[in-house]
PDB file of all heavy atoms in Angstrom:
ATOM      1  N   LYS A   1       0.788  -1.214   0.017  1.00  0.00           N
ATOM      2  CA  LYS A   1      -0.044   0.019   0.039  1.00  0.00           C
ATOM      3  C   LYS A   1       0.819   1.257   0.045  1.00  0.00           C
ATOM      4  O   LYS A   1       0.625   2.225  -0.732  1.00  0.00           O
ATOM      5  CB  LYS A   1      -0.928   0.003   1.202  1.00  0.00           C
ATOM      6  CG  LYS A   1      -1.967  -1.095   1.218  1.00  0.00           C
ATOM      7  CD  LYS A   1      -3.004  -0.928   0.135  1.00  0.00           C
ATOM      8  CE  LYS A   1      -4.256  -1.904   0.448  1.00  0.00           C
ATOM      9  NZ  LYS A   1      -3.996  -3.289   0.535  1.00  0.00           N
ATOM     10  N   GLU A   2       1.834   1.370   0.895  1.00  0.00           N
ATOM     11  CA  GLU A   2       2.633   2.591   1.072  1.00  0.00           C
ATOM     12  C   GLU A   2       3.585   2.828  -0.202  1.00  0.00           C
ATOM     13  O   GLU A   2       3.713   3.876  -0.628  1.00  0.00           O
ATOM     14  CB  GLU A   2       3.455   2.524   2.251  1.00  0.00           C
ATOM     15  CG  GLU A   2       2.635   2.637   3.607  1.00  0.00           C
ATOM     16  CD  GLU A   2       3.447   2.766   4.859  1.00  0.00           C
ATOM     17  OE1 GLU A   2       4.688   2.772   4.674  1.00  0.00           O
ATOM     18  OE2 GLU A   2       2.952   2.870   5.938  1.00  0.00           O
ATOM     19  N   HIS A   3       4.249   1.745  -0.623  1.00  0.00           N
ATOM     20  CA  HIS A   3       5.324   1.950  -1.631  1.00  0.00           C
ATOM     21  C   HIS A   3       4.700   1.822  -3.045  1.00  0.00           C
ATOM     22  O   HIS A   3       4.874   2.696  -3.884  1.00  0.00           O
ATOM     23  CB  HIS A   3       6.343   1.024  -1.355  1.00  0.00           C
ATOM     24  CG  HIS A   3       7.546   1.261  -2.411  1.00  0.00           C
ATOM     25  ND1 HIS A   3       8.000   2.488  -2.604  1.00  0.00           N
ATOM     26  CD2 HIS A   3       8.265   0.432  -3.091  1.00  0.00           C
ATOM     27  CE1 HIS A   3       9.002   2.385  -3.551  1.00  0.00           C
ATOM     28  NE2 HIS A   3       9.118   1.124  -3.836  1.00  0.00           N
ATOM     29  N   LEU A   4       4.006   0.661  -3.219  1.00  0.00           N
ATOM     30  CA  LEU A   4       3.561   0.272  -4.619  1.00  0.00           C
ATOM     31  C   LEU A   4       2.453   1.318  -5.030  1.00  0.00           C
ATOM     32  O   LEU A   4       2.625   2.070  -6.064  1.00  0.00           O
ATOM     33  CB  LEU A   4       3.055  -1.053  -4.680  1.00  0.00           C
ATOM     34  CG  LEU A   4       2.532  -1.441  -6.110  1.00  0.00           C
ATOM     35  CD1 LEU A   4       3.626  -1.282  -7.139  1.00  0.00           C
ATOM     36  CD2 LEU A   4       2.100  -2.956  -6.073  1.00  0.00           C
ATOM     37  N   PHE A   5       1.384   1.382  -4.320  1.00  0.00           N
ATOM     38  CA  PHE A   5       0.240   2.155  -4.688  1.00  0.00           C
ATOM     39  C   PHE A   5       0.371   3.724  -4.278  1.00  0.00           C
ATOM     40  O   PHE A   5      -0.295   4.483  -4.857  1.00  0.00           O
ATOM     41  CB  PHE A   5      -1.100   1.560  -4.170  1.00  0.00           C
ATOM     42  CG  PHE A   5      -1.391   0.319  -4.964  1.00  0.00           C
ATOM     43  CD1 PHE A   5      -1.268  -0.910  -4.395  1.00  0.00           C
ATOM     44  CD2 PHE A   5      -1.923   0.346  -6.220  1.00  0.00           C
ATOM     45  CE1 PHE A   5      -1.565  -2.091  -5.005  1.00  0.00           C
ATOM     46  CE2 PHE A   5      -2.167  -0.807  -6.969  1.00  0.00           C
ATOM     47  CZ  PHE A   5      -2.024  -2.047  -6.317  1.00  0.00           C
ATOM     48  N   ALA A   6       1.138   3.933  -3.332  1.00  0.00           N
ATOM     49  CA  ALA A   6       1.391   5.327  -2.986  1.00  0.00           C
ATOM     50  C   ALA A   6       2.625   5.896  -3.718  1.00  0.00           C
ATOM     51  O   ALA A   6       2.493   6.702  -4.621  1.00  0.00           O
ATOM     52  CB  ALA A   6       1.538   5.560  -1.504  1.00  0.00           C
ATOM     53  N   ASP A   7       3.782   5.486  -3.386  1.00  0.00           N
ATOM     54  CA  ASP A   7       5.067   5.979  -3.958  1.00  0.00           C
ATOM     55  C   ASP A   7       5.102   5.906  -5.463  1.00  0.00           C
ATOM     56  O   ASP A   7       5.487   6.802  -6.170  1.00  0.00           O
ATOM     57  CB  ASP A   7       6.199   5.263  -3.349  1.00  0.00           C
ATOM     58  CG  ASP A   7       6.550   5.715  -1.941  1.00  0.00           C
ATOM     59  OD1 ASP A   7       6.041   6.757  -1.461  1.00  0.00           O
ATOM     60  OD2 ASP A   7       7.150   4.935  -1.225  1.00  0.00           O
ATOM     61  N   ILE A   8       4.604   4.804  -5.983  1.00  0.00           N
ATOM     62  CA  ILE A   8       4.797   4.551  -7.438  1.00  0.00           C
ATOM     63  C   ILE A   8       3.561   5.119  -8.201  1.00  0.00           C
ATOM     64  O   ILE A   8       3.629   5.880  -9.122  1.00  0.00           O
ATOM     65  CB  ILE A   8       5.082   3.164  -7.787  1.00  0.00           C
ATOM     66  CG1 ILE A   8       6.327   2.606  -7.089  1.00  0.00           C
ATOM     67  CG2 ILE A   8       5.015   2.879  -9.209  1.00  0.00           C
ATOM     68  CD1 ILE A   8       6.724   1.192  -7.367  1.00  0.00           C
ATOM     69  N   PHE A   9       2.379   4.555  -7.827  1.00  0.00           N
ATOM     70  CA  PHE A   9       1.146   4.963  -8.568  1.00  0.00           C
ATOM     71  C   PHE A   9       0.797   6.340  -8.440  1.00  0.00           C
ATOM     72  O   PHE A   9       0.151   7.002  -9.331  1.00  0.00           O
ATOM     73  CB  PHE A   9      -0.031   4.048  -8.201  1.00  0.00           C
ATOM     74  CG  PHE A   9      -0.169   2.818  -9.015  1.00  0.00           C
ATOM     75  CD1 PHE A   9       0.565   1.683  -8.812  1.00  0.00           C
ATOM     76  CD2 PHE A   9      -1.137   2.816 -10.003  1.00  0.00           C
ATOM     77  CE1 PHE A   9       0.341   0.558  -9.562  1.00  0.00           C
ATOM     78  CE2 PHE A   9      -1.225   1.590 -10.876  1.00  0.00           C
ATOM     79  CZ  PHE A   9      -0.517   0.546 -10.651  1.00  0.00           C
ATOM     80  N   GLU A  10       1.333   7.059  -7.494  1.00  0.00           N
ATOM     81  CA  GLU A  10       1.014   8.493  -7.219  1.00  0.00           C
ATOM     82  C   GLU A  10       1.694   9.388  -8.246  1.00  0.00           C
ATOM     83  O   GLU A  10       1.412  10.502  -8.471  1.00  0.00           O
ATOM     84  CB  GLU A  10       1.292   8.879  -5.792  1.00  0.00           C
ATOM     85  CG  GLU A  10       0.176   8.876  -4.851  1.00  0.00           C
ATOM     86  CD  GLU A  10       0.496   9.556  -3.543  1.00  0.00           C
ATOM     87  OE1 GLU A  10       1.668   9.396  -3.032  1.00  0.00           O
ATOM     88  OE2 GLU A  10      -0.352  10.176  -2.917  1.00  0.00           O
ATOM     89  N   ARG A  11       2.844   8.810  -8.755  1.00  0.00           N
ATOM     90  CA  ARG A  11       3.598   9.675  -9.685  1.00  0.00           C
ATOM     91  C   ARG A  11       2.866   9.855 -11.010  1.00  0.00           C
ATOM     92  O   ARG A  11       2.173   8.936 -11.479  1.00  0.00           O
ATOM     93  CB  ARG A  11       4.957   8.847  -9.955  1.00  0.00           C
ATOM     94  CG  ARG A  11       5.892   8.868  -8.671  1.00  0.00           C
ATOM     95  CD  ARG A  11       7.080   7.894  -8.997  1.00  0.00           C
ATOM     96  NE  ARG A  11       7.936   8.344 -10.006  1.00  0.00           N
ATOM     97  CZ  ARG A  11       8.856   9.355  -9.952  1.00  0.00           C
ATOM     98  NH1 ARG A  11       9.088   9.875  -8.683  1.00  0.00           N
ATOM     99  NH2 ARG A  11       9.715   9.590 -10.882  1.00  0.00           N
ATOM    100  N   ASP A  12       2.935  11.072 -11.410  1.00  0.00           N
ATOM    101  CA  ASP A  12       1.995  11.540 -12.567  1.00  0.00           C
ATOM    102  C   ASP A  12       2.559  11.434 -14.006  1.00  0.00           C
ATOM    103  O   ASP A  12       1.906  11.846 -14.867  1.00  0.00           O
ATOM    104  CB  ASP A  12       1.399  12.847 -12.252  1.00  0.00           C
ATOM    105  CG  ASP A  12       2.557  13.920 -12.125  1.00  0.00           C
ATOM    106  OD1 ASP A  12       3.662  13.621 -12.315  1.00  0.00           O
ATOM    107  OD2 ASP A  12       2.142  15.101 -11.868  1.00  0.00           O
ATOM    108  N   VAL A  13       3.816  10.988 -14.247  1.00  0.00           N
ATOM    109  CA  VAL A  13       4.353  10.882 -15.548  1.00  0.00           C
ATOM    110  C   VAL A  13       3.483   9.926 -16.398  1.00  0.00           C
ATOM    111  O   VAL A  13       3.165  10.228 -17.613  1.00  0.00           O
ATOM    112  CB  VAL A  13       5.873  10.544 -15.475  1.00  0.00           C
ATOM    113  CG1 VAL A  13       6.293  10.332 -16.948  1.00  0.00           C
ATOM    114  CG2 VAL A  13       6.559  11.679 -14.918  1.00  0.00           C
ATOM    115  N   LEU A  14       3.124   8.828 -15.799  1.00  0.00           N
ATOM    116  CA  LEU A  14       2.294   7.915 -16.400  1.00  0.00           C
ATOM    117  C   LEU A  14       0.864   7.847 -15.934  1.00  0.00           C
ATOM    118  O   LEU A  14       0.760   8.104 -14.701  1.00  0.00           O
ATOM    119  CB  LEU A  14       2.919   6.398 -16.267  1.00  0.00           C
ATOM    120  CG  LEU A  14       4.265   6.182 -16.977  1.00  0.00           C
ATOM    121  CD1 LEU A  14       4.683   4.752 -16.667  1.00  0.00           C
ATOM    122  CD2 LEU A  14       4.255   6.452 -18.430  1.00  0.00           C
ATOM    123  N   THR A  15      -0.099   7.689 -16.638  1.00  0.00           N
ATOM    124  CA  THR A  15      -1.413   7.544 -16.164  1.00  0.00           C
ATOM    125  C   THR A  15      -1.667   6.134 -15.517  1.00  0.00           C
ATOM    126  O   THR A  15      -0.809   5.264 -15.682  1.00  0.00           O
ATOM    127  CB  THR A  15      -2.442   7.637 -17.312  1.00  0.00           C
ATOM    128  OG1 THR A  15      -2.299   6.534 -18.169  1.00  0.00           O
ATOM    129  CG2 THR A  15      -2.132   8.817 -18.093  1.00  0.00           C
ATOM    130  N   TYR A  16      -2.827   6.064 -14.813  1.00  0.00           N
ATOM    131  CA  TYR A  16      -3.095   4.722 -14.171  1.00  0.00           C
ATOM    132  C   TYR A  16      -3.143   3.672 -15.252  1.00  0.00           C
ATOM    133  O   TYR A  16      -2.787   2.539 -15.133  1.00  0.00           O
ATOM    134  CB  TYR A  16      -4.426   4.795 -13.433  1.00  0.00           C
ATOM    135  CG  TYR A  16      -4.397   5.433 -12.065  1.00  0.00           C
ATOM    136  CD1 TYR A  16      -5.464   5.809 -11.466  1.00  0.00           C
ATOM    137  CD2 TYR A  16      -3.275   5.835 -11.538  1.00  0.00           C
ATOM    138  CE1 TYR A  16      -5.545   6.522 -10.236  1.00  0.00           C
ATOM    139  CE2 TYR A  16      -3.109   6.516 -10.303  1.00  0.00           C
ATOM    140  CZ  TYR A  16      -4.277   6.854  -9.646  1.00  0.00           C
ATOM    141  OH  TYR A  16      -4.272   7.511  -8.379  1.00  0.00           O
ATOM    142  N   ALA A  17      -3.854   3.965 -16.430  1.00  0.00           N
ATOM    143  CA  ALA A  17      -3.949   3.035 -17.570  1.00  0.00           C
ATOM    144  C   ALA A  17      -2.644   2.598 -18.023  1.00  0.00           C
ATOM    145  O   ALA A  17      -2.335   1.394 -18.335  1.00  0.00           O
ATOM    146  CB  ALA A  17      -4.779   3.674 -18.625  1.00  0.00           C
ATOM    147  N   GLN A  18      -1.613   3.595 -18.205  1.00  0.00           N
ATOM    148  CA  GLN A  18      -0.319   3.106 -18.666  1.00  0.00           C
ATOM    149  C   GLN A  18       0.353   2.354 -17.620  1.00  0.00           C
ATOM    150  O   GLN A  18       1.051   1.304 -18.031  1.00  0.00           O
ATOM    151  CB  GLN A  18       0.426   4.475 -18.993  1.00  0.00           C
ATOM    152  CG  GLN A  18      -0.054   5.201 -20.257  1.00  0.00           C
ATOM    153  CD  GLN A  18       0.695   6.537 -20.374  1.00  0.00           C
ATOM    154  OE1 GLN A  18       0.843   7.259 -19.419  1.00  0.00           O
ATOM    155  NE2 GLN A  18       1.107   6.902 -21.583  1.00  0.00           N
ATOM    156  N   ARG A  19       0.173   2.532 -16.457  1.00  0.00           N
ATOM    157  CA  ARG A  19       0.827   1.780 -15.351  1.00  0.00           C
ATOM    158  C   ARG A  19       0.241   0.350 -15.286  1.00  0.00           C
ATOM    159  O   ARG A  19       1.061  -0.564 -15.106  1.00  0.00           O
ATOM    160  CB  ARG A  19       0.783   2.483 -13.955  1.00  0.00           C
ATOM    161  CG  ARG A  19       1.546   3.734 -13.844  1.00  0.00           C
ATOM    162  CD  ARG A  19       1.649   4.238 -12.458  1.00  0.00           C
ATOM    163  NE  ARG A  19       2.448   5.478 -12.508  1.00  0.00           N
ATOM    164  CZ  ARG A  19       3.783   5.627 -12.453  1.00  0.00           C
ATOM    165  NH1 ARG A  19       4.499   4.447 -12.453  1.00  0.00           N
ATOM    166  NH2 ARG A  19       4.414   6.622 -12.398  1.00  0.00           N
ATOM    167  N   GLU A  20      -1.026   0.276 -15.577  1.00  0.00           N
ATOM    168  CA  GLU A  20      -1.536  -1.108 -15.624  1.00  0.00           C
ATOM    169  C   GLU A  20      -1.129  -1.906 -16.835  1.00  0.00           C
ATOM    170  O   GLU A  20      -0.970  -3.160 -16.785  1.00  0.00           O
ATOM    171  CB  GLU A  20      -3.071  -1.011 -15.481  1.00  0.00           C
ATOM    172  CG  GLU A  20      -3.539  -0.805 -14.060  1.00  0.00           C
ATOM    173  CD  GLU A  20      -3.079  -1.831 -12.973  1.00  0.00           C
ATOM    174  OE1 GLU A  20      -2.839  -2.974 -13.463  1.00  0.00           O
ATOM    175  OE2 GLU A  20      -3.018  -1.474 -11.774  1.00  0.00           O
ATOM    176  N   LEU A  21      -0.964  -1.146 -17.946  1.00  0.00           N
ATOM    177  CA  LEU A  21      -0.411  -1.704 -19.109  1.00  0.00           C
ATOM    178  C   LEU A  21       0.972  -2.290 -18.870  1.00  0.00           C
ATOM    179  O   LEU A  21       1.290  -3.463 -19.280  1.00  0.00           O
ATOM    180  CB  LEU A  21      -0.418  -0.730 -20.233  1.00  0.00           C
ATOM    181  CG  LEU A  21      -0.339  -1.209 -21.744  1.00  0.00           C
ATOM    182  CD1 LEU A  21      -1.601  -2.109 -21.928  1.00  0.00           C
ATOM    183  CD2 LEU A  21      -0.344  -0.071 -22.655  1.00  0.00           C
ATOM    184  N   VAL A  22       1.849  -1.512 -18.181  1.00  0.00           N
ATOM    185  CA  VAL A  22       3.160  -2.075 -17.796  1.00  0.00           C
ATOM    186  C   VAL A  22       3.037  -3.255 -16.956  1.00  0.00           C
ATOM    187  O   VAL A  22       3.639  -4.267 -17.105  1.00  0.00           O
ATOM    188  CB  VAL A  22       3.933  -0.898 -17.003  1.00  0.00           C
ATOM    189  CG1 VAL A  22       5.303  -1.426 -16.485  1.00  0.00           C
ATOM    190  CG2 VAL A  22       4.173   0.309 -17.919  1.00  0.00           C
ATOM    191  N   THR A  23       2.168  -3.230 -15.924  1.00  0.00           N
ATOM    192  CA  THR A  23       2.041  -4.277 -14.887  1.00  0.00           C
ATOM    193  C   THR A  23       1.566  -5.605 -15.633  1.00  0.00           C
ATOM    194  O   THR A  23       2.162  -6.589 -15.318  1.00  0.00           O
ATOM    195  CB  THR A  23       1.098  -3.860 -13.719  1.00  0.00           C
ATOM    196  OG1 THR A  23       1.561  -2.699 -13.284  1.00  0.00           O
ATOM    197  CG2 THR A  23       1.081  -4.902 -12.669  1.00  0.00           C
ATOM    198  N   VAL A  24       0.467  -5.538 -16.351  1.00  0.00           N
ATOM    199  CA  VAL A  24       0.018  -6.592 -17.140  1.00  0.00           C
ATOM    200  C   VAL A  24       1.077  -7.241 -18.051  1.00  0.00           C
ATOM    201  O   VAL A  24       1.217  -8.465 -18.096  1.00  0.00           O
ATOM    202  CB  VAL A  24      -1.226  -6.329 -17.954  1.00  0.00           C
ATOM    203  CG1 VAL A  24      -1.664  -7.403 -18.909  1.00  0.00           C
ATOM    204  CG2 VAL A  24      -2.407  -5.992 -17.031  1.00  0.00           C
ATOM    205  N   SER A  25       1.899  -6.421 -18.692  1.00  0.00           N
ATOM    206  CA  SER A  25       2.906  -6.868 -19.644  1.00  0.00           C
ATOM    207  C   SER A  25       3.960  -7.616 -18.867  1.00  0.00           C
ATOM    208  O   SER A  25       4.440  -8.670 -19.344  1.00  0.00           O
ATOM    209  CB  SER A  25       3.421  -5.687 -20.384  1.00  0.00           C
ATOM    210  OG  SER A  25       2.383  -5.044 -21.115  1.00  0.00           O
ATOM    211  N   VAL A  26       4.413  -7.051 -17.766  1.00  0.00           N
ATOM    212  CA  VAL A  26       5.508  -7.720 -16.976  1.00  0.00           C
ATOM    213  C   VAL A  26       4.941  -9.021 -16.409  1.00  0.00           C
ATOM    214  O   VAL A  26       5.755 -10.062 -16.591  1.00  0.00           O
ATOM    215  CB  VAL A  26       5.832  -6.784 -15.881  1.00  0.00           C
ATOM    216  CG1 VAL A  26       6.801  -7.494 -14.756  1.00  0.00           C
ATOM    217  CG2 VAL A  26       6.588  -5.550 -16.323  1.00  0.00           C
ATOM    218  N   ILE A  27       3.806  -9.123 -15.861  1.00  0.00           N
ATOM    219  CA  ILE A  27       3.293 -10.266 -15.203  1.00  0.00           C
ATOM    220  C   ILE A  27       3.051 -11.308 -16.252  1.00  0.00           C
ATOM    221  O   ILE A  27       3.417 -12.608 -16.119  1.00  0.00           O
ATOM    222  CB  ILE A  27       2.010 -10.042 -14.454  1.00  0.00           C
ATOM    223  CG1 ILE A  27       2.384  -9.066 -13.358  1.00  0.00           C
ATOM    224  CG2 ILE A  27       1.432 -11.376 -13.875  1.00  0.00           C
ATOM    225  CD1 ILE A  27       1.191  -8.601 -12.521  1.00  0.00           C
ATOM    226  N   ALA A  28       2.534 -10.880 -17.438  1.00  0.00           N
ATOM    227  CA  ALA A  28       2.287 -11.964 -18.527  1.00  0.00           C
ATOM    228  C   ALA A  28       3.617 -12.396 -19.058  1.00  0.00           C
ATOM    229  O   ALA A  28       3.767 -13.642 -19.371  1.00  0.00           O
ATOM    230  CB  ALA A  28       1.459 -11.304 -19.668  1.00  0.00           C
ATOM    231  N   ALA A  29       4.624 -11.587 -19.250  1.00  0.00           N
ATOM    232  CA  ALA A  29       5.946 -11.992 -19.689  1.00  0.00           C
ATOM    233  C   ALA A  29       6.585 -12.955 -18.763  1.00  0.00           C
ATOM    234  O   ALA A  29       7.379 -13.854 -19.263  1.00  0.00           O
ATOM    235  CB  ALA A  29       6.766 -10.712 -19.969  1.00  0.00           C
ATOM    236  N   LEU A  30       6.460 -12.790 -17.460  1.00  0.00           N
ATOM    237  CA  LEU A  30       7.122 -13.717 -16.541  1.00  0.00           C
ATOM    238  C   LEU A  30       6.383 -15.119 -16.467  1.00  0.00           C
ATOM    239  O   LEU A  30       7.039 -15.979 -16.218  1.00  0.00           O
ATOM    240  CB  LEU A  30       7.006 -13.090 -15.116  1.00  0.00           C
ATOM    241  CG  LEU A  30       7.949 -11.799 -14.955  1.00  0.00           C
ATOM    242  CD1 LEU A  30       7.745 -11.182 -13.555  1.00  0.00           C
ATOM    243  CD2 LEU A  30       9.412 -12.092 -15.140  1.00  0.00           C
ATOM    244  N   GLY A  31       5.038 -15.081 -16.813  1.00  0.00           N
ATOM    245  CA  GLY A  31       4.348 -16.416 -16.834  1.00  0.00           C
ATOM    246  C   GLY A  31       4.078 -16.927 -15.604  1.00  0.00           C
ATOM    247  O   GLY A  31       4.647 -16.661 -14.472  1.00  0.00           O
ATOM    248  N   ASP A  32       3.038 -17.853 -15.558  1.00  0.00           N
ATOM    249  CA  ASP A  32       2.666 -18.653 -14.439  1.00  0.00           C
ATOM    250  C   ASP A  32       2.381 -17.831 -13.226  1.00  0.00           C
ATOM    251  O   ASP A  32       2.749 -18.196 -12.004  1.00  0.00           O
ATOM    252  CB  ASP A  32       3.639 -19.694 -14.175  1.00  0.00           C
ATOM    253  CG  ASP A  32       3.073 -20.894 -13.260  1.00  0.00           C
ATOM    254  OD1 ASP A  32       1.902 -21.009 -13.296  1.00  0.00           O
ATOM    255  OD2 ASP A  32       3.943 -21.485 -12.602  1.00  0.00           O
ATOM    256  N   LEU A  33       1.711 -16.679 -13.297  1.00  0.00           N
ATOM    257  CA  LEU A  33       1.307 -15.845 -12.148  1.00  0.00           C
ATOM    258  C   LEU A  33      -0.094 -15.499 -12.224  1.00  0.00           C
ATOM    259  O   LEU A  33      -0.581 -14.328 -12.242  1.00  0.00           O
ATOM    260  CB  LEU A  33       2.219 -14.576 -12.206  1.00  0.00           C
ATOM    261  CG  LEU A  33       3.707 -14.781 -11.853  1.00  0.00           C
ATOM    262  CD1 LEU A  33       4.459 -13.534 -12.201  1.00  0.00           C
ATOM    263  CD2 LEU A  33       3.927 -15.294 -10.454  1.00  0.00           C
ATOM    264  N   GLN A  34      -0.882 -16.501 -12.383  1.00  0.00           N
ATOM    265  CA  GLN A  34      -2.358 -16.324 -12.688  1.00  0.00           C
ATOM    266  C   GLN A  34      -3.113 -15.411 -11.773  1.00  0.00           C
ATOM    267  O   GLN A  34      -3.771 -14.474 -12.229  1.00  0.00           O
ATOM    268  CB  GLN A  34      -3.052 -17.679 -12.748  1.00  0.00           C
ATOM    269  CG  GLN A  34      -4.567 -17.519 -12.990  1.00  0.00           C
ATOM    270  CD  GLN A  34      -5.328 -18.855 -13.159  1.00  0.00           C
ATOM    271  OE1 GLN A  34      -4.636 -19.886 -13.166  1.00  0.00           O
ATOM    272  NE2 GLN A  34      -6.577 -18.884 -13.267  1.00  0.00           N
TER     273      GLN A  34
END
């Protein structure tokens, strides 16, 4: 909560949608993290 969703998601260079696009891409690329 404090670091990921506050420190990182609060930063405004990327939108929430762009950050979720990054997150989905990373998790999908790593595989087996359903």
